[in-house]
Amino acid sequence: MTAAEVSSDLRHARVYVSVLGSDTEKKATFDGLDSVASHLRSRVARVLRLRVAPEIQFKEDDSIARAARIESLLADVKKQDAAASDGTDND
């Protein structure tokens, strides 16, 4: 879970989740989360003593995957720069 947003009337909650893995693994994760959403809703209502518990909706947050991709690309560029520098110094 990376973030959560709750509407001002507390009727809707959007929970952002980051899942690393294949598309099949992501789908299975969100299917599992969706299947327990009503149970989580009732637990939230009970623990927080709310009259109306928020409807929980899970959304994918791909920011961690994007950050990992950027890190990988930057590492590749750094390796290429180092290789180019080594080749230039030997001339």
Protein backbone atom coordinates (compact mmCIF):
# COMPACT_ATOMS: atom_id res chain seq x y z
CA MET A 1 0.00 0.00 0.00
CA THR A 2 1.48 3.32 -1.03
CA ALA A 3 -1.33 5.79 -0.31
CA ALA A 4 -4.99 6.15 0.55
CA GLU A 5 -7.57 8.82 -0.17
CA VAL A 6 -10.88 9.10 1.65
CA SER A 7 -13.75 11.27 0.49
CA SER A 8 -14.85 14.07 2.81
CA ASP A 9 -18.09 12.24 3.63
CA LEU A 10 -16.11 9.05 4.45
CA ARG A 11 -18.19 7.00 2.03
CA HIS A 12 -15.41 6.16 -0.43
CA ALA A 13 -11.80 5.17 0.07
CA ARG A 14 -9.29 4.73 -2.70
CA VAL A 15 -6.28 2.64 -1.66
CA TYR A 16 -3.22 2.69 -3.91
CA VAL A 17 -1.19 -0.49 -4.04
CA SER A 18 2.13 -1.17 -5.74
CA VAL A 19 2.62 -4.72 -6.96
CA LEU A 20 5.86 -5.86 -8.55
CA GLY A 21 5.56 -8.90 -10.74
CA SER A 22 4.00 -10.12 -13.94
CA ASP A 23 0.61 -8.97 -15.20
CA THR A 24 -0.83 -12.30 -14.06
CA GLU A 25 0.54 -11.80 -10.54
CA LYS A 26 -0.79 -8.24 -10.44
CA LYS A 27 -4.23 -9.39 -11.55
CA ALA A 28 -4.25 -12.14 -8.93
CA THR A 29 -3.25 -9.66 -6.25
CA PHE A 30 -6.00 -7.20 -7.14
CA ASP A 31 -8.55 -10.00 -7.46
CA GLY A 32 -7.60 -11.09 -3.94
CA LEU A 33 -7.81 -7.55 -2.59
CA ASP A 34 -11.19 -7.02 -4.23
CA SER A 35 -12.47 -10.25 -2.71
CA VAL A 36 -11.62 -9.11 0.84
CA ALA A 37 -12.70 -5.48 0.42
CA SER A 38 -16.11 -6.00 2.07
CA HIS A 39 -14.49 -7.78 5.01
CA LEU A 40 -11.98 -4.94 5.38
CA ARG A 41 -14.81 -2.43 5.20
CA SER A 42 -16.66 -4.04 8.09
CA ARG A 43 -13.45 -4.29 10.15
CA VAL A 44 -12.67 -0.60 9.54
CA ALA A 45 -16.20 0.33 10.62
CA ARG A 46 -15.92 -1.76 13.77
CA VAL A 47 -12.44 -0.60 14.78
CA LEU A 48 -13.06 3.08 14.06
CA ARG A 49 -16.65 2.93 15.32
CA LEU A 50 -18.04 4.47 12.16
CA ARG A 51 -21.72 4.54 11.37
CA VAL A 52 -20.96 4.28 7.66
CA ALA A 53 -17.75 2.61 6.55
CA PRO A 54 -16.10 3.70 3.32
CA GLU A 55 -16.48 1.64 0.18
CA ILE A 56 -12.91 0.47 -0.47
CA GLN A 57 -11.55 0.56 -4.00
CA PHE A 58 -8.03 -0.66 -4.78
CA LYS A 59 -6.03 1.10 -7.50
CA GLU A 60 -2.66 0.24 -8.96
CA ASP A 61 0.21 2.58 -8.13
CA ASP A 62 3.03 1.98 -10.57
CA SER A 63 5.31 4.72 -9.21
CA ILE A 64 7.70 2.24 -7.60
CA ALA A 65 7.99 0.23 -10.82
CA ARG A 66 8.58 3.45 -12.79
CA ALA A 67 11.25 4.55 -10.31
CA ALA A 68 12.99 1.16 -10.61
CA ARG A 69 12.90 1.47 -14.41
CA ILE A 70 14.42 4.96 -14.26
CA GLU A 71 17.17 3.72 -11.92
CA SER A 72 17.93 0.91 -14.34
CA LEU A 73 18.12 3.28 -17.30
CA LEU A 74 20.39 5.66 -15.39
CA ALA A 75 22.69 2.78 -14.43
CA ASP A 76 22.88 1.74 -18.11
CA VAL A 77 23.78 5.30 -19.15
CA LYS A 78 26.45 5.44 -16.44
CA LYS A 79 27.95 2.14 -17.68
CA GLN A 80 27.95 3.40 -21.27
CA ASP A 81 29.64 6.66 -20.22
CA ALA A 82 32.28 4.74 -18.27
CA ALA A 83 32.92 2.44 -21.25
CA ALA A 84 33.18 5.43 -23.60
CA SER A 85 35.62 7.16 -21.23
CA ASP A 86 37.78 4.04 -20.99
CA GLY A 87 37.87 3.80 -24.77
CA THR A 88 38.80 7.47 -25.15
CA ASP A 89 41.64 7.30 -22.63
CA ASN A 90 43.30 4.41 -24.52
CA ASP A 91 43.59 6.27 -27.84
